[in-house]
Amino acid sequence: MSNTVELNRYVNAKEVTRQLDELISLPVHTISAEALKRYEEEYFDQKCARSKEQIGAAKKIIPGGVQHNLAFNHPFPLVFTKASGHMLTDIDGNEYYDFLQSGGPTVLASNPAPVREKVLELLETCGPSTGLFHEYEYLLAQKISQCMPSVDMFRMYTSGTEAAMVAARVARLATKNKNIVKMGGAYHGWSDQLAYGIRIPGTKGLQSHGIPSFCFKHTQEFFPNDLNSLERVLRRNKLRGGTAGVFIEPIGPESGTRPVDFEFNKGVEALCRKYGALFIFDEVVTGFRLGMSGAQGYFGVSPDLTIFGKVIAGGYPGAGGLGGKNEYMKFLGAGLDGNSKKALSGGTLAANPLSCAAGYHTLCEMERTNACKTANEMGDILTDGLNELIKKRKLPFVAYNVGSVCHLDTLGTMHYSINWGKPWQIPEVLKQTSLRKKEMEHIGAAYMAEGLVTLAGNRLYTNATYTKEDIAEVLTRFDNVFEHIVVM
């Protein structure tokens, strides 16, 4: 078994940041009103009639008509009935290239036969859940520990949000410190304390509606890719309860929407050691996507705790977990082998046999087929092709990738930040991000009408089933949209 991370290159964070700075200084470039109207009438109204009808009925009983934020789409969400490899099919029979990949977990493929067969076998013999121990719990934990050098022990949860919550509790027990520090704009789930400074650096609690401000009393953020900013927070915290843990998305907030330098993670690790905080790596997206040893293997760091999600259940429900070093994971021992103070955690359906079986066989199959290497190579080819189209069309868009995590930023919506020292700027930032978010939805609708399913119109995940021929066809469809971009 190899712990290598199969990446051919890493993003030039400073150059991408320069390009994104320029992008938000320019007038908005978006899909023309005429082209959008044509897509709405000729595609969505005519070719997606059953989706429109079903979503209309669903809105009467489900808020917004869908259950997941990623399912929202202009002018209405589509209803998907089939997923296979890298293709999706909607209820009207239309086919799409899948770059959403269920939010990122299907690195191997959507609904791969080798995994499906093992899951069906388990359902025949055990069923999805007993509430008691099953062998697959051990097999999955062992596989993750074998792949990730810093993970001595692993415990399964049902989501990355839960795993991040537990990581904060473990960090406080282990260090006896109070504060949690995170990178501004990063997303570590939607729990009260960590839903701080999300999406846009500096927003604090502005985008966390329904959460009382006192929940953020011991949560702080620092500016992405800025070690000086982090150290200022850590130094200040020494006088107000210390720092329990520093949470990091290793390629930058929101999966690299604002990318970080290659050496940044090592710098964060050094500061954590200096100030006695746990170094907490959120590998919900990067774990088993950049490679079998995750981002930590690629960057050469050793986190104290690692948050998992997405792929560890192979695209099946119940994808979340926390791994880490023995001296910290002991705070999750349930009883006889536990510490006198156990971090509060639970979950009736956590580590159910179905999720663990799917995750174990997915990781084994990914390792056997070298899926990460293939997915990352396809990400390189897609990004290079997008940059050629951008150059050809003389557009200000910014395309870059870290392996199979690809970004196509057409509006720079999440490149804004809030400086509370200049409060007069805040209304304009909120105005611009709101306007650009709306245009992201419009461009995303155009992609969808061209048979391209993306994450919010600006992020794309490739998986191991894509081929060069697929990517060539995909680029033709992106160019169909780029042809209709105008200055707003």
Protein backbone atom coordinates (compact mmCIF):
# COMPACT_ATOMS: atom_id res chain seq x y z
CA MET A 1 0.00 0.00 0.00
CA SER A 2 1.30 3.46 -0.95
CA ASN A 3 0.78 6.62 1.06
CA THR A 4 1.75 8.89 -1.81
CA VAL A 5 -0.40 11.84 -2.82
CA GLU A 6 -0.97 11.70 -6.53
CA LEU A 7 -0.68 15.37 -7.53
CA ASN A 8 1.29 16.59 -10.54
CA ARG A 9 1.31 20.25 -9.47
CA TYR A 10 0.15 22.72 -6.84
CA VAL A 11 -1.61 26.01 -7.39
CA ASN A 12 0.36 29.27 -7.35
CA ALA A 13 -1.67 30.85 -4.56
CA LYS A 14 -0.17 34.32 -4.89
CA GLU A 15 -0.80 34.49 -8.63
CA VAL A 16 -4.37 33.21 -8.29
CA THR A 17 -5.00 35.75 -5.51
CA ARG A 18 -3.70 38.52 -7.79
CA GLN A 19 -6.05 37.38 -10.56
CA LEU A 20 -9.01 37.23 -8.17
CA ASP A 21 -8.18 40.71 -6.85
CA GLU A 22 -8.32 41.93 -10.44
CA LEU A 23 -11.55 40.06 -11.13
CA ILE A 24 -13.49 41.83 -8.37
CA SER A 25 -12.10 45.20 -9.45
CA LEU A 26 -13.73 44.81 -12.88
CA PRO A 27 -17.37 45.17 -13.91
CA VAL A 28 -19.46 42.03 -13.53
CA HIS A 29 -19.27 39.62 -16.48
CA THR A 30 -22.25 37.27 -16.65
CA ILE A 31 -24.55 35.38 -18.98
CA SER A 32 -26.58 37.73 -21.17
CA ALA A 33 -30.24 38.22 -20.29
CA GLU A 34 -31.21 37.00 -23.77
CA ALA A 35 -29.20 33.79 -23.48
CA LEU A 36 -30.50 33.11 -19.97
CA LYS A 37 -34.10 33.59 -21.10
CA ARG A 38 -33.51 31.21 -24.02
CA TYR A 39 -32.07 28.57 -21.67
CA GLU A 40 -35.04 29.01 -19.33
CA GLU A 41 -37.64 28.67 -22.08
CA GLU A 42 -36.05 26.18 -24.46
CA TYR A 43 -34.37 23.93 -21.92
CA PHE A 44 -35.88 24.16 -18.47
CA ASP A 45 -39.50 24.78 -19.45
CA GLN A 46 -39.57 22.41 -22.43
CA LYS A 47 -37.11 19.64 -21.55
CA CYS A 48 -37.45 19.58 -17.75
CA ALA A 49 -41.23 19.65 -17.40
CA ARG A 50 -41.47 16.70 -15.01
CA SER A 51 -38.82 18.19 -12.74
CA LYS A 52 -40.68 21.49 -12.69
CA GLU A 53 -43.94 19.76 -11.84
CA GLN A 54 -42.44 17.62 -9.07
CA ILE A 55 -40.54 20.49 -7.46
CA GLY A 56 -43.69 22.59 -7.56
CA ALA A 57 -45.50 19.89 -5.60
CA ALA A 58 -42.55 19.40 -3.22
CA LYS A 59 -42.51 23.11 -2.31
CA LYS A 60 -45.89 22.66 -0.66
CA ILE A 61 -44.46 20.27 1.91
CA ILE A 62 -40.66 20.79 1.87
CA PRO A 63 -39.24 24.28 2.55
CA GLY A 64 -37.83 25.50 -0.76
CA GLY A 65 -38.79 22.22 -2.39
CA VAL A 66 -35.46 20.43 -1.72
CA GLN A 67 -33.63 19.05 1.31
CA HIS A 68 -30.04 19.96 0.48
CA ASN A 69 -28.44 23.35 -0.20
CA LEU A 70 -26.54 21.93 -3.18
CA ALA A 71 -29.81 21.02 -4.90
CA PHE A 72 -30.98 24.60 -5.39
CA ASN A 73 -30.81 25.67 -9.01
CA HIS A 74 -32.14 28.53 -11.11
CA PRO A 75 -34.91 28.65 -12.33
CA PHE A 76 -35.92 25.55 -10.34
CA PRO A 77 -34.15 22.47 -8.96
CA LEU A 78 -34.01 19.40 -11.18
CA VAL A 79 -35.01 15.92 -10.03
CA PHE A 80 -32.29 13.31 -10.60
CA THR A 81 -33.06 9.63 -10.81
CA LYS A 82 -29.81 7.96 -11.88
CA ALA A 83 -26.10 8.32 -11.11
CA SER A 84 -23.43 6.19 -12.70
CA GLY A 85 -19.70 6.81 -13.13
CA HIS A 86 -19.53 10.53 -13.88
CA MET A 87 -22.99 10.89 -15.43
CA LEU A 88 -26.37 11.89 -14.01
CA THR A 89 -29.84 11.45 -15.50
CA ASP A 90 -32.86 13.53 -14.51
CA ILE A 91 -36.50 12.47 -14.31
CA ASP A 92 -37.11 13.77 -17.85
CA GLY A 93 -34.30 11.58 -19.24
CA ASN A 94 -31.75 14.36 -19.78
CA GLU A 95 -28.12 13.39 -19.17
CA TYR A 96 -25.44 15.50 -17.49
CA TYR A 97 -21.73 15.42 -16.77
CA ASP A 98 -21.46 15.34 -12.99
CA PHE A 99 -18.95 17.80 -11.49
CA LEU A 100 -20.88 18.15 -8.24
CA GLN A 101 -20.03 14.56 -7.29
CA SER A 102 -22.47 14.70 -4.37
CA GLY A 103 -20.36 17.50 -2.91
CA GLY A 104 -17.11 15.60 -3.44
CA PRO A 105 -17.25 12.02 -2.06
CA THR A 106 -17.41 9.99 -5.26
CA VAL A 107 -13.72 10.06 -6.20
CA LEU A 108 -13.89 6.47 -7.42
CA ALA A 109 -17.24 6.78 -9.25
CA SER A 110 -20.90 7.29 -8.60
CA ASN A 111 -22.50 4.00 -7.63
CA PRO A 112 -19.48 1.78 -8.51
CA ALA A 113 -20.39 -1.89 -9.00
CA PRO A 114 -17.63 -3.40 -6.78
CA VAL A 115 -18.83 -1.36 -3.79
CA ARG A 116 -22.53 -1.77 -4.57
CA GLU A 117 -22.15 -5.56 -4.63
CA LYS A 118 -20.59 -5.59 -1.16
CA VAL A 119 -23.30 -3.30 0.22
CA LEU A 120 -26.04 -5.51 -1.21
CA GLU A 121 -24.34 -8.55 0.31
CA LEU A 122 -24.35 -6.85 3.72
CA LEU A 123 -28.01 -5.87 3.39
CA GLU A 124 -28.85 -9.50 2.68
CA THR A 125 -27.12 -10.71 5.85
CA CYS A 126 -27.15 -7.94 8.45
CA GLY A 127 -29.22 -4.97 7.42
CA PRO A 128 -28.20 -1.32 7.60
CA SER A 129 -27.96 -0.94 11.37
CA THR A 130 -28.07 -2.89 14.64
CA GLY A 131 -26.76 -0.33 17.13
CA LEU A 132 -24.10 -2.88 18.06
CA PHE A 133 -20.55 -3.53 16.91
CA HIS A 134 -19.88 -4.85 13.42
CA GLU A 135 -16.59 -6.05 11.93
CA TYR A 136 -16.67 -3.35 9.24
CA GLU A 137 -16.25 -0.68 11.93
CA TYR A 138 -12.83 -2.12 12.69
CA LEU A 139 -11.91 -2.69 9.05
CA LEU A 140 -12.72 0.90 8.06
CA ALA A 141 -10.88 2.40 11.04
CA GLN A 142 -7.88 0.18 10.32
CA LYS A 143 -7.82 1.18 6.63
CA ILE A 144 -7.96 4.90 7.45
CA SER A 145 -5.21 4.53 10.05
CA GLN A 146 -3.02 2.66 7.56
CA CYS A 147 -3.41 5.41 4.98
CA MET A 148 -3.08 8.47 7.23
CA PRO A 149 0.19 8.50 9.23
CA SER A 150 -1.14 10.86 11.93
CA VAL A 151 -4.27 8.79 12.61
CA ASP A 152 -3.55 6.29 15.39
CA MET A 153 -7.25 5.90 16.15
CA PHE A 154 -10.51 6.71 14.38
CA ARG A 155 -14.12 7.12 15.40
CA MET A 156 -17.03 7.27 12.97
CA TYR A 157 -19.84 9.84 13.02
CA THR A 158 -22.63 10.61 10.57
CA SER A 159 -21.31 13.90 9.13
CA GLY A 160 -18.32 16.18 8.94
CA THR A 161 -20.28 18.70 11.01
CA GLU A 162 -20.48 16.24 13.91
CA ALA A 163 -16.81 15.33 13.60
CA ALA A 164 -15.81 19.01 13.75
CA MET A 165 -17.99 19.56 16.82
CA VAL A 166 -16.31 16.65 18.59
CA ALA A 167 -12.85 17.86 17.55
CA ALA A 168 -13.46 21.14 19.38
CA ARG A 169 -14.57 19.29 22.51
CA VAL A 170 -11.56 16.98 22.46
CA ALA A 171 -9.23 19.95 21.95
CA ARG A 172 -10.63 21.74 24.99
CA LEU A 173 -10.32 18.67 27.20
CA ALA A 174 -6.81 17.88 25.98
CA THR A 175 -5.39 21.39 26.35
CA LYS A 176 -7.63 22.78 29.11
CA ASN A 177 -7.84 25.93 26.96
CA LYS A 178 -11.03 27.70 25.89
CA ASN A 179 -10.72 29.22 22.44
CA ILE A 180 -11.15 27.78 18.97
CA VAL A 181 -9.48 29.57 16.05
CA LYS A 182 -10.42 29.04 12.41
CA MET A 183 -9.48 30.45 9.05
CA GLY A 184 -11.85 33.19 7.87
CA GLY A 185 -14.19 31.95 5.14
CA ALA A 186 -13.61 28.28 5.97
CA TYR A 187 -16.49 25.88 6.45
CA HIS A 188 -16.34 23.30 9.24
CA GLY A 189 -20.00 22.39 9.27
CA TRP A 190 -22.99 24.26 10.62
CA SER A 191 -22.69 23.73 14.38
CA ASP A 192 -23.16 26.85 16.52
CA GLN A 193 -19.56 27.57 17.53
CA LEU A 194 -17.96 26.82 14.16
CA ALA A 195 -20.47 28.64 11.94
CA TYR A 196 -18.35 31.74 12.41
CA GLY A 197 -16.63 33.72 9.69
CA ILE A 198 -18.06 31.41 7.03
CA ARG A 199 -17.82 32.00 3.27
CA ILE A 200 -16.41 35.53 3.50
CA PRO A 201 -13.42 36.26 5.79
CA GLY A 202 -14.28 38.78 8.48
CA THR A 203 -18.02 38.16 8.50
CA LYS A 204 -17.95 36.83 12.07
CA GLY A 205 -21.60 35.90 12.72
CA LEU A 206 -23.20 37.93 9.93
CA GLN A 207 -24.03 34.85 7.83
CA SER A 208 -25.01 32.58 10.72
CA HIS A 209 -28.66 33.48 11.14
CA GLY A 210 -30.45 31.93 14.08
CA ILE A 211 -27.30 31.50 16.19
CA PRO A 212 -27.04 33.79 19.27
CA SER A 213 -23.86 35.86 19.33
CA PHE A 214 -22.83 34.46 22.72
CA CYS A 215 -22.14 31.12 21.00
CA PHE A 216 -19.12 32.76 19.38
CA LYS A 217 -17.60 34.02 22.64
CA HIS A 218 -14.68 31.59 22.36
CA THR A 219 -14.39 31.37 18.55
CA GLN A 220 -12.09 33.60 16.48
CA GLU A 221 -10.98 33.78 12.87
CA PHE A 222 -7.79 34.83 11.15
CA PHE A 223 -7.18 35.93 7.57
CA PRO A 224 -6.44 33.06 5.14
CA ASN A 225 -2.83 32.46 4.11
CA ASP A 226 -1.60 34.99 6.69
CA LEU A 227 0.53 33.49 9.46
CA ASN A 228 0.98 36.90 11.07
CA SER A 229 -2.78 37.24 11.37
CA LEU A 230 -2.97 33.81 13.02
CA GLU A 231 -0.18 34.58 15.48
CA ARG A 232 -1.84 37.82 16.52
CA VAL A 233 -4.96 35.86 17.48
CA LEU A 234 -2.95 33.16 19.27
CA ARG A 235 -0.93 35.73 21.20
CA ARG A 236 -4.07 37.59 22.24
CA ASN A 237 -5.72 34.35 23.36
CA LYS A 238 -2.90 33.68 25.83
CA LEU A 239 -4.49 36.40 27.97
CA ARG A 240 -8.06 35.11 27.66
CA GLY A 241 -8.14 31.38 28.22
CA GLY A 242 -5.63 30.08 25.69
CA THR A 243 -6.27 28.39 22.34
CA ALA A 244 -7.57 24.82 22.37
CA GLY A 245 -7.30 24.20 18.64
CA VAL A 246 -6.69 25.76 15.25
CA PHE A 247 -8.97 24.46 12.49
CA ILE A 248 -7.61 24.45 8.95
CA GLU A 249 -8.96 23.60 5.52
CA PRO A 250 -5.56 22.60 4.11
CA ILE A 251 -5.95 23.99 0.58
CA GLY A 252 -7.76 27.15 1.69
CA PRO A 253 -11.27 28.10 2.84
CA GLU A 254 -14.19 26.50 1.02
CA SER A 255 -11.92 23.90 -0.58
CA GLY A 256 -9.42 26.44 -1.89
CA THR A 257 -11.77 29.21 -2.99
CA ARG A 258 -9.04 31.46 -1.58
CA PRO A 259 -5.95 29.21 -2.03
CA VAL A 260 -3.04 29.06 0.41
CA ASP A 261 0.72 28.78 -0.20
CA PHE A 262 2.31 25.34 -0.18
CA GLU A 263 4.26 26.04 3.02
CA PHE A 264 1.30 27.60 4.84
CA ASN A 265 0.20 24.43 6.63
CA LYS A 266 3.67 23.83 8.03
CA GLY A 267 3.63 27.39 9.33
CA VAL A 268 0.29 26.82 11.04
CA GLU A 269 1.58 23.59 12.57
CA ALA A 270 4.63 25.41 13.98
CA LEU A 271 2.45 28.12 15.53
CA CYS A 272 0.17 25.50 17.11
CA ARG A 273 3.20 23.89 18.75
CA LYS A 274 4.47 27.28 19.92
CA TYR A 275 1.17 28.28 21.57
CA GLY A 276 0.02 24.87 22.86
CA ALA A 277 -3.00 24.50 20.57
CA LEU A 278 -4.04 21.33 18.79
CA PHE A 279 -3.46 21.36 15.03
CA ILE A 280 -6.80 20.27 13.55
CA PHE A 281 -6.97 19.34 9.86
CA ASP A 282 -10.36 19.37 8.16
CA GLU A 283 -9.92 16.75 5.44
CA VAL A 284 -13.62 16.37 4.70
CA VAL A 285 -12.90 17.26 1.06
CA THR A 286 -9.17 16.58 0.66
CA GLY A 287 -9.02 13.28 2.53
CA PHE A 288 -8.79 10.47 -0.04
CA ARG A 289 -9.25 12.97 -2.88
CA LEU A 290 -5.78 14.49 -3.19
CA GLY A 291 -4.40 11.04 -2.46
CA MET A 292 -4.69 8.13 -0.08
CA SER A 293 -2.65 9.97 2.57
CA GLY A 294 -4.70 13.12 2.16
CA ALA A 295 -3.52 16.70 2.22
CA GLN A 296 -1.42 15.97 5.31
CA GLY A 297 0.65 13.51 3.33
CA TYR A 298 1.12 15.99 0.51
CA PHE A 299 2.06 18.94 2.70
CA GLY A 300 4.19 16.84 5.05
CA VAL A 301 2.44 17.80 8.28
CA SER A 302 1.20 15.78 11.26
CA PRO A 303 -2.15 17.03 12.57
CA ASP A 304 -3.20 16.20 16.10
CA LEU A 305 -6.78 15.60 14.95
CA THR A 306 -8.20 15.00 11.47
CA ILE A 307 -11.83 15.57 10.50
CA PHE A 308 -13.21 13.22 7.85
CA GLY A 309 -16.38 13.15 5.79
CA LYS A 310 -17.46 12.68 2.16
CA VAL A 311 -15.58 9.67 0.82
CA ILE A 312 -15.24 7.58 3.99
CA ALA A 313 -18.73 6.20 3.41
CA GLY A 314 -18.16 5.92 -0.34
CA GLY A 315 -21.00 8.29 -1.19
CA TYR A 316 -23.42 6.44 1.10
CA PRO A 317 -25.08 8.17 4.08
CA GLY A 318 -23.21 8.43 7.36
CA ALA A 319 -20.00 10.07 6.14
CA GLY A 320 -18.12 11.62 9.02
CA GLY A 321 -15.40 10.77 11.47
CA LEU A 322 -12.58 11.98 13.67
CA GLY A 323 -9.09 10.53 13.67
CA GLY A 324 -6.00 11.46 15.58
CA LYS A 325 -3.15 10.66 17.87
CA ASN A 326 -3.63 8.30 20.79
CA GLU A 327 -3.14 10.92 23.49
CA TYR A 328 -6.07 12.95 22.14
CA MET A 329 -8.40 10.24 20.89
CA LYS A 330 -8.44 8.75 24.41
CA PHE A 331 -10.96 11.46 25.27
CA LEU A 332 -13.48 9.57 23.12
CA GLY A 333 -13.09 6.24 24.90
CA ALA A 334 -16.52 4.98 25.82
CA GLY A 335 -16.13 3.78 29.39
CA LEU A 336 -13.54 1.19 30.41
CA ASP A 337 -10.65 2.44 28.28
CA GLY A 338 -11.62 6.11 28.43
CA ASN A 339 -10.31 9.13 30.24
CA SER A 340 -12.10 10.29 33.37
CA LYS A 341 -13.49 13.17 31.33
CA LYS A 342 -15.01 11.93 28.10
CA ALA A 343 -15.88 14.35 25.32
CA LEU A 344 -19.63 14.34 24.84
CA SER A 345 -20.51 12.67 21.54
CA GLY A 346 -23.00 10.20 20.19
CA GLY A 347 -25.09 9.28 17.18
CA THR A 348 -27.58 6.44 16.92
CA LEU A 349 -26.68 5.67 13.31
CA ALA A 350 -22.97 6.50 13.54
CA ALA A 351 -20.70 3.69 12.32
CA ASN A 352 -23.62 1.67 11.00
CA PRO A 353 -22.58 -1.46 9.08
CA LEU A 354 -23.80 -0.12 5.73
CA SER A 355 -21.72 3.08 5.89
CA CYS A 356 -18.64 1.30 7.19
CA ALA A 357 -18.85 -1.45 4.56
CA ALA A 358 -19.32 1.07 1.76
CA GLY A 359 -16.43 3.18 3.04
CA TYR A 360 -14.06 0.28 3.52
CA HIS A 361 -14.62 -1.23 0.09
CA THR A 362 -14.51 2.20 -1.56
CA LEU A 363 -11.10 2.95 -0.06
CA CYS A 364 -9.80 -0.50 -0.98
CA GLU A 365 -11.01 -0.10 -4.56
CA MET A 366 -9.57 3.42 -4.81
CA GLU A 367 -6.23 2.12 -3.63
CA ARG A 368 -6.32 -0.85 -6.02
CA THR A 369 -7.19 1.26 -9.07
CA ASN A 370 -5.12 4.36 -8.18
CA ALA A 371 -8.30 6.39 -8.49
CA CYS A 372 -6.89 9.56 -6.94
CA LYS A 373 -4.14 9.81 -9.55
CA THR A 374 -6.62 9.50 -12.41
CA ALA A 375 -9.11 11.96 -10.91
CA ASN A 376 -6.34 14.49 -10.27
CA GLU A 377 -5.00 14.16 -13.82
CA MET A 378 -8.50 14.82 -15.19
CA GLY A 379 -8.68 17.90 -12.97
CA ASP A 380 -5.45 19.20 -14.52
CA ILE A 381 -6.72 18.62 -18.05
CA LEU A 382 -10.08 20.27 -17.31
CA THR A 383 -8.44 23.33 -15.75
CA ASP A 384 -5.93 23.75 -18.56
CA GLY A 385 -8.76 23.55 -21.07
CA LEU A 386 -10.83 26.12 -19.21
CA ASN A 387 -7.89 28.51 -19.14
CA GLU A 388 -7.50 28.16 -22.91
CA LEU A 389 -11.19 29.02 -23.38
CA ILE A 390 -10.89 31.99 -21.04
CA LYS A 391 -7.91 33.28 -23.01
CA LYS A 392 -9.66 32.70 -26.34
CA ARG A 393 -12.77 34.59 -25.23
CA LYS A 394 -10.73 37.37 -23.53
CA LEU A 395 -12.65 36.91 -20.27
CA PRO A 396 -11.43 37.92 -16.79
CA PHE A 397 -12.40 34.54 -15.29
CA VAL A 398 -9.98 32.60 -13.08
CA ALA A 399 -9.57 28.82 -13.38
CA TYR A 400 -7.25 26.81 -11.15
CA ASN A 401 -7.17 23.48 -9.35
CA VAL A 402 -5.60 21.36 -6.68
CA GLY A 403 -5.84 17.98 -8.33
CA SER A 404 -9.46 16.94 -8.72
CA VAL A 405 -10.73 19.99 -6.80
CA CYS A 406 -11.25 22.53 -9.58
CA HIS A 407 -12.36 26.15 -9.43
CA LEU A 408 -13.87 28.26 -12.18
CA ASP A 409 -14.36 31.69 -10.63
CA THR A 410 -16.34 33.96 -12.92
CA LEU A 411 -17.47 36.56 -10.38
CA GLY A 412 -15.15 36.51 -7.37
CA THR A 413 -18.14 36.35 -5.03
CA MET A 414 -16.19 34.72 -2.21
CA HIS A 415 -13.02 36.73 -2.72
CA TYR A 416 -14.38 39.67 -0.78
CA SER A 417 -13.57 40.19 2.89
CA ILE A 418 -14.83 42.44 5.66
CA ASN A 419 -12.53 44.80 7.53
CA TRP A 420 -14.26 45.85 10.75
CA GLY A 421 -11.74 48.68 11.08
CA LYS A 422 -13.44 50.25 8.06
CA PRO A 423 -17.15 49.72 8.81
CA TRP A 424 -18.26 52.03 5.99
CA GLN A 425 -17.09 49.35 3.52
CA ILE A 426 -19.34 46.62 4.92
CA PRO A 427 -22.60 47.63 3.14
CA GLU A 428 -20.84 47.69 -0.24
CA VAL A 429 -19.24 44.26 0.37
CA LEU A 430 -22.61 42.77 1.29
CA LYS A 431 -24.22 44.41 -1.75
CA GLN A 432 -21.56 43.09 -4.13
CA THR A 433 -21.56 39.55 -2.76
CA SER A 434 -25.36 39.41 -2.95
CA LEU A 435 -25.39 40.68 -6.55
CA ARG A 436 -22.63 38.29 -7.62
CA LYS A 437 -24.25 35.33 -5.89
CA LYS A 438 -27.35 35.93 -8.01
CA GLU A 439 -25.27 35.99 -11.17
CA MET A 440 -23.52 32.79 -10.08
CA GLU A 441 -26.94 31.17 -10.05
CA HIS A 442 -27.63 32.43 -13.57
CA ILE A 443 -24.33 31.14 -14.95
CA GLY A 444 -24.90 27.87 -13.08
CA ALA A 445 -28.27 27.52 -14.81
CA ALA A 446 -26.59 27.97 -18.19
CA TYR A 447 -24.07 25.24 -17.33
CA MET A 448 -26.93 22.96 -16.27
CA ALA A 449 -28.77 23.57 -19.53
CA GLU A 450 -25.59 22.57 -21.37
CA GLY A 451 -25.51 19.30 -19.41
CA LEU A 452 -22.94 20.32 -16.79
CA VAL A 453 -23.74 19.92 -13.10
CA THR A 454 -21.44 22.09 -10.97
CA LEU A 455 -21.22 23.09 -7.32
CA ALA A 456 -22.73 26.59 -7.09
CA GLY A 457 -21.58 27.37 -10.62
CA ASN A 458 -17.93 27.79 -9.63
CA ARG A 459 -16.51 24.54 -8.23
CA LEU A 460 -16.03 21.26 -10.05
CA TYR A 461 -14.89 17.85 -8.85
CA THR A 462 -13.53 15.25 -11.24
CA ASN A 463 -13.52 11.53 -10.52
CA ALA A 464 -11.64 8.51 -11.80
CA THR A 465 -14.15 7.61 -14.51
CA TYR A 466 -13.59 10.76 -16.58
CA THR A 467 -11.52 10.41 -19.76
CA LYS A 468 -9.73 12.91 -21.99
CA GLU A 469 -12.53 12.48 -24.51
CA ASP A 470 -15.13 13.33 -21.86
CA ILE A 471 -13.23 16.46 -20.87
CA ALA A 472 -12.99 17.56 -24.52
CA GLU A 473 -16.78 17.34 -24.84
CA VAL A 474 -17.23 19.13 -21.52
CA LEU A 475 -15.01 22.01 -22.67
CA THR A 476 -17.13 22.44 -25.79
CA ARG A 477 -20.17 22.87 -23.58
CA PHE A 478 -18.45 25.39 -21.33
CA ASP A 479 -17.49 27.34 -24.44
CA ASN A 480 -21.15 27.40 -25.47
CA VAL A 481 -21.84 29.33 -22.26
CA PHE A 482 -18.77 31.56 -22.50
CA GLU A 483 -19.96 32.66 -25.96
CA HIS A 484 -22.87 34.47 -24.29
CA ILE A 485 -20.96 36.27 -21.52
CA VAL A 486 -21.47 40.03 -21.47
CA VAL A 487 -20.50 42.94 -19.23
CA MET A 488 -23.36 43.73 -16.87
